Protein backbone atom coordinates (compact mmCIF):
# COMPACT_ATOMS: atom_id res chain seq x y z
CA MET A 1 32.35 -21.96 242.39
CA VAL A 2 34.81 -22.13 244.92
CA GLY A 3 34.12 -24.26 248.53
CA HIS A 4 35.31 -23.81 251.62
CA PHE A 5 35.76 -25.75 254.73
CA ASN A 6 34.37 -23.98 257.90
CA ASP A 7 35.52 -23.66 261.00
CA GLU A 8 33.92 -26.94 262.09
CA GLY A 9 36.28 -28.61 259.24
CA LYS A 10 32.93 -28.69 257.20
CA PHE A 11 33.08 -28.59 253.62
CA GLY A 12 30.68 -25.84 252.01
CA TYR A 13 29.47 -23.39 249.62
CA ASN A 14 27.33 -20.93 251.32
CA GLU A 15 30.21 -18.41 251.83
CA ARG A 16 31.11 -17.23 248.75
CA ILE A 17 31.14 -17.54 245.09
CA THR A 18 34.05 -17.32 242.62
CA LEU A 19 33.96 -16.52 239.25
CA THR A 20 36.76 -16.31 236.05
CA ARG A 21 37.04 -13.37 234.35
CA LYS A 22 36.02 -14.98 231.32
CA ALA A 23 32.45 -16.29 233.16
CA LEU A 24 31.98 -12.47 234.09
CA GLU A 25 32.65 -11.26 230.63
CA GLU A 26 29.79 -13.91 229.12
CA MET A 27 27.39 -12.23 231.53
CA ASP A 28 24.96 -9.26 229.80
CA GLU A 29 24.94 -7.54 233.43
CA ILE A 30 26.80 -8.07 236.58
CA VAL A 31 25.61 -7.42 240.37
CA VAL A 32 27.77 -6.92 242.93
CA LEU A 33 26.78 -7.14 246.76
CA ALA A 34 29.25 -5.58 249.11
CA PHE A 35 28.11 -5.09 252.87
CA GLY A 36 29.49 -4.52 255.88
CA GLU A 37 32.48 -1.98 257.07
CA ASP A 38 35.31 -4.40 256.17
CA LYS A 39 34.06 -3.58 252.49
CA GLU A 40 33.91 0.35 252.95
CA LYS A 41 37.48 1.01 251.64
CA VAL A 42 37.41 -1.69 248.70
CA VAL A 43 34.41 0.17 247.47
CA GLU A 44 35.59 3.59 247.97
CA GLU A 45 38.99 2.56 245.93
CA LEU A 46 36.84 0.84 243.29
CA LEU A 47 34.34 3.68 242.84
CA SER A 48 37.26 6.49 243.18
CA GLY A 49 41.01 5.36 243.28
CA PRO A 50 43.72 4.84 240.52
CA GLU A 51 43.54 1.72 238.31
CA ARG A 52 45.28 -0.97 239.48
CA ASP A 53 46.60 -4.34 238.45
CA TYR A 54 43.75 -7.06 239.02
CA ARG A 55 46.28 -9.24 240.81
CA GLU A 56 47.03 -6.61 243.64
CA PHE A 57 43.31 -5.64 243.56
CA PRO A 58 41.03 -8.05 242.36
CA VAL A 59 37.63 -6.40 241.85
CA GLN A 60 39.50 -4.02 239.62
CA ILE A 61 38.01 -6.72 236.84
CA LEU A 62 35.06 -5.30 237.28
CA ARG A 63 36.19 -1.73 236.24
CA ASP A 64 38.06 -3.29 233.15
CA ILE A 65 34.94 -5.47 232.11
CA ALA A 66 32.75 -2.43 232.16
CA ARG A 67 34.57 -0.23 230.24
CA LYS A 68 36.41 -2.52 227.76
CA ALA A 69 33.54 -5.19 227.59
CA LYS A 70 31.01 -2.53 227.90
CA LYS A 71 29.01 -4.62 230.49
CA HIS A 72 26.54 -3.28 233.24
CA VAL A 73 27.79 -3.55 236.65
CA TYR A 74 25.69 -3.06 239.53
CA LEU A 75 27.10 -2.24 243.00
CA VAL A 76 24.87 -2.49 245.49
CA THR A 77 25.96 -1.71 249.55
CA ASP A 78 24.64 -0.64 252.64
CA GLN A 79 25.73 2.42 254.41
CA ALA A 80 28.42 0.63 256.50
CA ALA A 81 30.02 -0.34 252.86
């Protein structure tokens, strides 16, 4: 889990969780939540775009895990994404 400092300079964990590739590979199933218009392009590229290096496009790791580790990855979005 990665902490962050908000605009008021307070430390917290409530905005995001970051896991390593190894941690993701250890999971039986992965559920990804992507909400909002700002996620639309990323979701589109993940689902139908070309394969890219995960250092350029970190969400590519999910595609790799689904294929190579044969894990189920579920993507939940709203209409905006």
